Amino acid sequence: MVAPGTRPFGRLDGRRAFVSGGAQGIGAAIVRGFAEAGAHVVIGDLDFARASALAGEVGAVAARVDVGNTDMVLAIMTQHGPFDIVVNNAGVDQHAFFTDTTPEDWTRLLAVNLVSAFACTHAALPAMQAAAFGRIINITSEAARLGSKGGAVYSAAKGGVIAFTKSIARENARFGITANAIAPGPIRTPMLEAAVEKGGDKILRAMTDATLLRRLGEPEEIAAAVLFLASDQAAYITGETIGVSGGMGVGG
């Protein structure tokens, strides 16, 4: 049974959604899921050509944006908003031991993985508060909860995303706005492929062996969780971090 005043399960008809880093990988799967559910989607990505191709495919809008540039984020989201749903998905990793990284690396990784979530959320919240509705969905990582050998700065940034999500949930519940995070495990994406290319089959085996299901996840499996959290049926869920990781970190 669908509660009065809510859309059918999984439908987002009439909602406006912004997806950062939406041109490929998990972001592209989220964009496709939102479009299929009836939402009007804006794809924010530095790779404008790829974002435009996807936008043409699903009937979305592409916007070139460097999510590490807070002024550009504000300008793009003001131009295309207001938004009912914001998915902070943009991410980048480096795969290097911490002693081999530099302060410039830290700045870049924090800007893309954490500060971009600040910027997109900050730009969207005033309109959400005025409308008494909003969904903030942040893509973190199981590395935030488990740590990552060769990914210390990435893990720290994604850990910050979890703390940020909880704080935004606390501050905005009174406005009818929810904020949740999804923590993927090893997902078949260009980012993972880059790690495997650098580390070889040994890295791939380690990633799959770390999950109970002994396989990589697919971007569509993350998108399904995002679609649920964006829906009316998830209205009583906020401040949570949901693992979609094949049981990574559970043991077995």
Protein backbone atom coordinates (compact mmCIF):
# COMPACT_ATOMS: atom_id res chain seq x y z
CA MET A 1 0.00 0.00 0.00
CA VAL A 2 1.25 3.48 -0.87
CA ALA A 3 0.76 6.13 1.83
CA PRO A 4 -1.55 9.02 0.89
CA GLY A 5 0.22 11.83 -0.90
CA THR A 6 3.20 9.75 -1.99
CA ARG A 7 4.28 8.66 -5.44
CA PRO A 8 4.19 5.01 -6.48
CA PHE A 9 7.21 3.09 -5.27
CA GLY A 10 10.42 4.32 -6.85
CA ARG A 11 8.80 7.09 -8.90
CA LEU A 12 10.28 10.60 -8.94
CA ASP A 13 7.91 12.32 -11.38
CA GLY A 14 8.25 16.08 -11.13
CA ARG A 15 11.38 16.01 -8.98
CA ARG A 16 14.51 17.93 -10.01
CA ALA A 17 17.79 16.14 -9.34
CA PHE A 18 21.44 17.13 -9.55
CA VAL A 19 24.11 14.44 -9.78
CA SER A 20 27.75 15.47 -9.44
CA GLY A 21 30.25 13.33 -11.32
CA GLY A 22 27.33 11.93 -13.27
CA ALA A 23 28.96 11.32 -16.65
CA GLN A 24 30.22 7.80 -16.06
CA GLY A 25 30.42 4.90 -13.62
CA ILE A 26 28.15 5.04 -10.58
CA GLY A 27 27.05 8.57 -11.44
CA ALA A 28 25.85 7.58 -14.90
CA ALA A 29 23.88 4.66 -13.46
CA ILE A 30 22.23 7.06 -10.98
CA VAL A 31 21.37 9.48 -13.79
CA ARG A 32 19.78 6.68 -15.82
CA GLY A 33 17.81 5.46 -12.81
CA PHE A 34 16.51 8.94 -12.02
CA ALA A 35 15.55 9.59 -15.64
CA GLU A 36 13.69 6.27 -15.86
CA ALA A 37 11.86 7.17 -12.63
CA GLY A 38 10.59 10.41 -14.18
CA ALA A 39 12.92 12.97 -12.61
CA HIS A 40 14.37 15.98 -14.42
CA VAL A 41 18.12 15.40 -14.10
CA VAL A 42 21.08 17.76 -14.36
CA ILE A 43 24.45 16.05 -14.80
CA GLY A 44 27.31 18.02 -13.31
CA ASP A 45 30.70 16.86 -14.57
CA LEU A 46 34.02 18.20 -15.77
CA ASP A 47 33.84 15.83 -18.76
CA PHE A 48 31.21 17.82 -20.65
CA ALA A 49 31.40 15.69 -23.80
CA ARG A 50 30.62 12.49 -21.95
CA ALA A 51 27.96 14.20 -19.82
CA SER A 52 26.33 15.62 -22.97
CA ALA A 53 26.24 12.22 -24.62
CA LEU A 54 24.53 10.69 -21.60
CA ALA A 55 22.13 13.64 -21.34
CA GLY A 56 21.10 13.14 -24.94
CA GLU A 57 20.56 9.45 -24.32
CA VAL A 58 18.27 9.82 -21.30
CA GLY A 59 16.72 13.26 -21.77
CA ALA A 60 18.75 15.02 -19.09
CA VAL A 61 20.74 18.28 -19.04
CA ALA A 62 24.53 18.40 -18.98
CA ALA A 63 26.47 21.10 -17.14
CA ARG A 64 30.25 21.44 -17.20
CA VAL A 65 31.43 21.93 -13.64
CA ASP A 66 34.65 21.40 -11.72
CA VAL A 67 33.23 20.21 -8.40
CA GLY A 68 36.44 21.22 -6.68
CA ASN A 69 35.70 24.85 -7.61
CA THR A 70 33.08 26.09 -5.14
CA ASP A 71 32.31 29.25 -7.12
CA MET A 72 31.62 27.22 -10.27
CA VAL A 73 29.43 24.79 -8.33
CA LEU A 74 27.33 27.64 -6.93
CA ALA A 75 26.95 29.25 -10.35
CA ILE A 76 25.87 26.02 -12.07
CA MET A 77 23.44 24.98 -9.34
CA THR A 78 21.92 28.44 -9.21
CA GLN A 79 21.51 28.46 -12.99
CA HIS A 80 19.85 25.04 -13.18
CA GLY A 81 18.12 24.83 -9.79
CA PRO A 82 16.29 24.72 -7.52
CA PHE A 83 16.72 21.01 -6.82
CA ASP A 84 14.67 18.56 -4.79
CA ILE A 85 17.40 15.92 -4.83
CA VAL A 86 21.17 16.34 -4.74
CA VAL A 87 23.51 13.38 -5.13
CA ASN A 88 27.10 14.17 -4.20
CA ASN A 89 28.76 11.42 -6.18
CA ALA A 90 31.95 12.98 -7.58
CA GLY A 91 35.09 11.25 -6.41
CA VAL A 92 38.73 10.68 -7.23
CA ASP A 93 41.41 8.43 -5.72
CA GLN A 94 45.16 8.25 -6.05
CA HIS A 95 46.36 4.78 -4.92
CA ALA A 96 49.62 5.75 -3.25
CA PHE A 97 51.07 5.22 0.20
CA PHE A 98 50.59 8.30 2.36
CA THR A 99 54.35 9.02 2.54
CA ASP A 100 54.38 9.24 -1.26
CA THR A 101 51.65 11.90 -1.38
CA THR A 102 52.07 15.68 -1.27
CA PRO A 103 50.09 18.57 0.20
CA GLU A 104 48.92 19.32 -3.35
CA ASP A 105 47.53 15.78 -3.54
CA TRP A 106 45.71 16.26 -0.24
CA THR A 107 44.15 19.50 -1.43
CA ARG A 108 42.92 17.93 -4.67
CA LEU A 109 41.52 14.78 -3.04
CA LEU A 110 39.77 16.73 -0.30
CA ALA A 111 38.34 19.21 -2.80
CA VAL A 112 36.76 16.57 -5.03
CA ASN A 113 35.73 14.01 -2.42
CA LEU A 114 34.62 16.22 0.46
CA VAL A 115 34.52 19.95 -0.26
CA SER A 116 32.42 19.35 -3.38
CA ALA A 117 29.74 17.82 -1.15
CA PHE A 118 29.89 20.95 1.00
CA ALA A 119 29.53 23.19 -2.05
CA CYS A 120 26.66 21.34 -3.74
CA THR A 121 24.73 20.92 -0.50
CA HIS A 122 25.27 24.54 0.55
CA ALA A 123 23.97 25.74 -2.81
CA ALA A 124 20.86 23.51 -2.70
CA LEU A 125 19.72 23.78 0.91
CA PRO A 126 18.09 27.24 0.98
CA ALA A 127 15.55 26.30 -1.71
CA MET A 128 14.96 22.90 -0.10
CA GLN A 129 14.30 24.58 3.25
CA ALA A 130 11.87 27.00 1.63
CA ALA A 131 10.05 24.13 -0.07
CA ALA A 132 10.03 22.00 3.11
CA PHE A 133 11.38 19.07 1.13
CA GLY A 134 14.75 17.75 0.09
CA ARG A 135 16.91 14.68 -0.35
CA ILE A 136 20.68 14.91 0.11
CA ILE A 137 22.39 11.65 -0.84
CA ASN A 138 26.16 11.41 -0.45
CA ILE A 139 28.28 8.68 -1.96
CA THR A 140 30.99 7.76 0.51
CA SER A 141 32.94 4.47 0.58
CA GLU A 142 33.50 1.44 2.78
CA ALA A 143 37.09 2.74 2.84
CA ALA A 144 35.77 5.49 5.13
CA ARG A 145 34.83 2.88 7.72
CA LEU A 146 37.59 0.33 7.16
CA GLY A 147 40.54 2.39 5.96
CA SER A 148 42.39 1.70 2.72
CA LYS A 149 45.99 0.67 2.18
CA GLY A 150 47.24 3.13 -0.41
CA GLY A 151 44.23 5.39 0.04
CA ALA A 152 44.68 7.23 3.34
CA VAL A 153 43.62 10.67 2.11
CA TYR A 154 40.68 9.29 0.11
CA SER A 155 39.50 7.32 3.15
CA ALA A 156 39.80 10.38 5.37
CA ALA A 157 37.83 12.51 2.93
CA LYS A 158 35.09 9.90 2.61
CA GLY A 159 35.00 9.58 6.40
CA GLY A 160 34.35 13.30 6.48
CA VAL A 161 31.42 12.74 4.11
CA ILE A 162 29.80 10.44 6.67
CA ALA A 163 30.19 12.96 9.50
CA PHE A 164 28.94 15.74 7.23
CA THR A 165 25.88 13.68 6.29
CA LYS A 166 24.92 13.12 9.92
CA SER A 167 25.32 16.81 10.72
CA ILE A 168 23.22 17.93 7.75
CA ALA A 169 20.53 15.41 8.77
CA ARG A 170 20.43 16.87 12.28
CA GLU A 171 20.28 20.47 11.09
CA ASN A 172 17.61 19.98 8.43
CA ALA A 173 15.15 17.38 9.70
CA ARG A 174 12.84 20.20 10.83
CA PHE A 175 12.58 21.32 7.21
CA GLY A 176 11.49 17.92 5.92
CA ILE A 177 14.94 17.33 4.40
CA THR A 178 16.70 14.00 4.76
CA ALA A 179 20.42 13.37 4.36
CA ASN A 180 21.90 9.90 3.94
CA ALA A 181 25.10 8.33 2.68
CA ILE A 182 25.76 5.19 0.68
CA ALA A 183 29.04 3.35 1.16
CA PRO A 184 29.90 1.27 -1.90
CA GLY A 185 32.41 -1.53 -1.81
CA PRO A 186 34.39 -2.53 -4.89
CA ILE A 187 32.22 -1.50 -7.85
CA ARG A 188 33.02 -2.08 -11.51
CA THR A 189 33.84 1.52 -12.48
CA PRO A 190 36.61 3.40 -14.32
CA MET A 191 38.11 4.31 -10.92
CA LEU A 192 38.36 0.65 -9.95
CA GLU A 193 39.72 -0.27 -13.36
CA ALA A 194 42.50 2.30 -12.89
CA ALA A 195 43.41 0.72 -9.55
CA VAL A 196 43.48 -2.76 -11.06
CA GLU A 197 45.57 -1.54 -13.99
CA LYS A 198 48.12 -0.18 -11.54
CA GLY A 199 48.07 -3.07 -9.05
CA GLY A 200 47.25 -6.03 -11.32
CA ASP A 201 45.13 -9.11 -10.70
CA LYS A 202 46.37 -9.26 -7.11
CA ILE A 203 44.43 -6.09 -6.34
CA LEU A 204 41.31 -7.42 -8.05
CA ARG A 205 41.47 -10.68 -6.06
CA ALA A 206 41.94 -8.79 -2.81
CA MET A 207 38.91 -6.61 -3.54
CA THR A 208 36.61 -9.50 -4.37
CA ASP A 209 37.88 -11.62 -1.47
CA ALA A 210 37.08 -8.77 0.93
CA THR A 211 33.37 -9.20 0.18
CA LEU A 212 31.15 -11.98 1.45
CA LEU A 213 29.60 -12.38 -2.00
CA ARG A 214 33.04 -12.74 -3.63
CA ARG A 215 32.31 -10.50 -6.56
CA LEU A 216 32.47 -6.91 -7.71
CA GLY A 217 29.35 -4.82 -7.48
CA GLU A 218 27.76 -3.12 -10.46
CA PRO A 219 27.00 0.63 -10.70
CA GLU A 220 23.30 -0.16 -11.09
CA GLU A 221 23.30 -1.75 -7.63
CA ILE A 222 24.40 1.54 -6.09
CA ALA A 223 21.90 3.44 -8.23
CA ALA A 224 19.07 1.27 -6.90
CA ALA A 225 19.90 2.28 -3.33
CA VAL A 226 20.12 5.95 -4.33
CA LEU A 227 16.76 5.74 -6.09
CA PHE A 228 15.16 4.35 -2.95
CA LEU A 229 16.63 7.04 -0.68
CA ALA A 230 15.40 9.70 -3.11
CA SER A 231 11.87 8.30 -3.11
CA ASP A 232 8.88 9.20 -0.94
CA GLN A 233 9.08 5.75 0.63
CA ALA A 234 12.39 6.65 2.33
CA ALA A 235 10.97 9.69 4.13
CA TYR A 236 11.67 8.19 7.58
CA ILE A 237 15.34 7.45 6.89
CA THR A 238 17.89 10.13 7.66
CA GLY A 239 21.41 10.42 9.02
CA GLU A 240 22.23 6.87 7.96
CA THR A 241 25.16 5.34 6.11
CA ILE A 242 24.06 2.31 4.13
CA GLY A 243 26.67 -0.16 2.93
CA VAL A 244 26.17 -1.54 -0.57
CA SER A 245 29.32 -3.59 -0.62
CA GLY A 246 28.60 -7.29 -0.85
CA GLY A 247 29.24 -7.66 2.87
CA MET A 248 32.68 -6.03 2.85
CA GLY A 249 34.04 -5.70 6.37
CA VAL A 250 31.56 -8.16 7.89
CA GLY A 251 34.06 -11.01 7.82
CA GLY A 252 33.53 -14.61 6.83
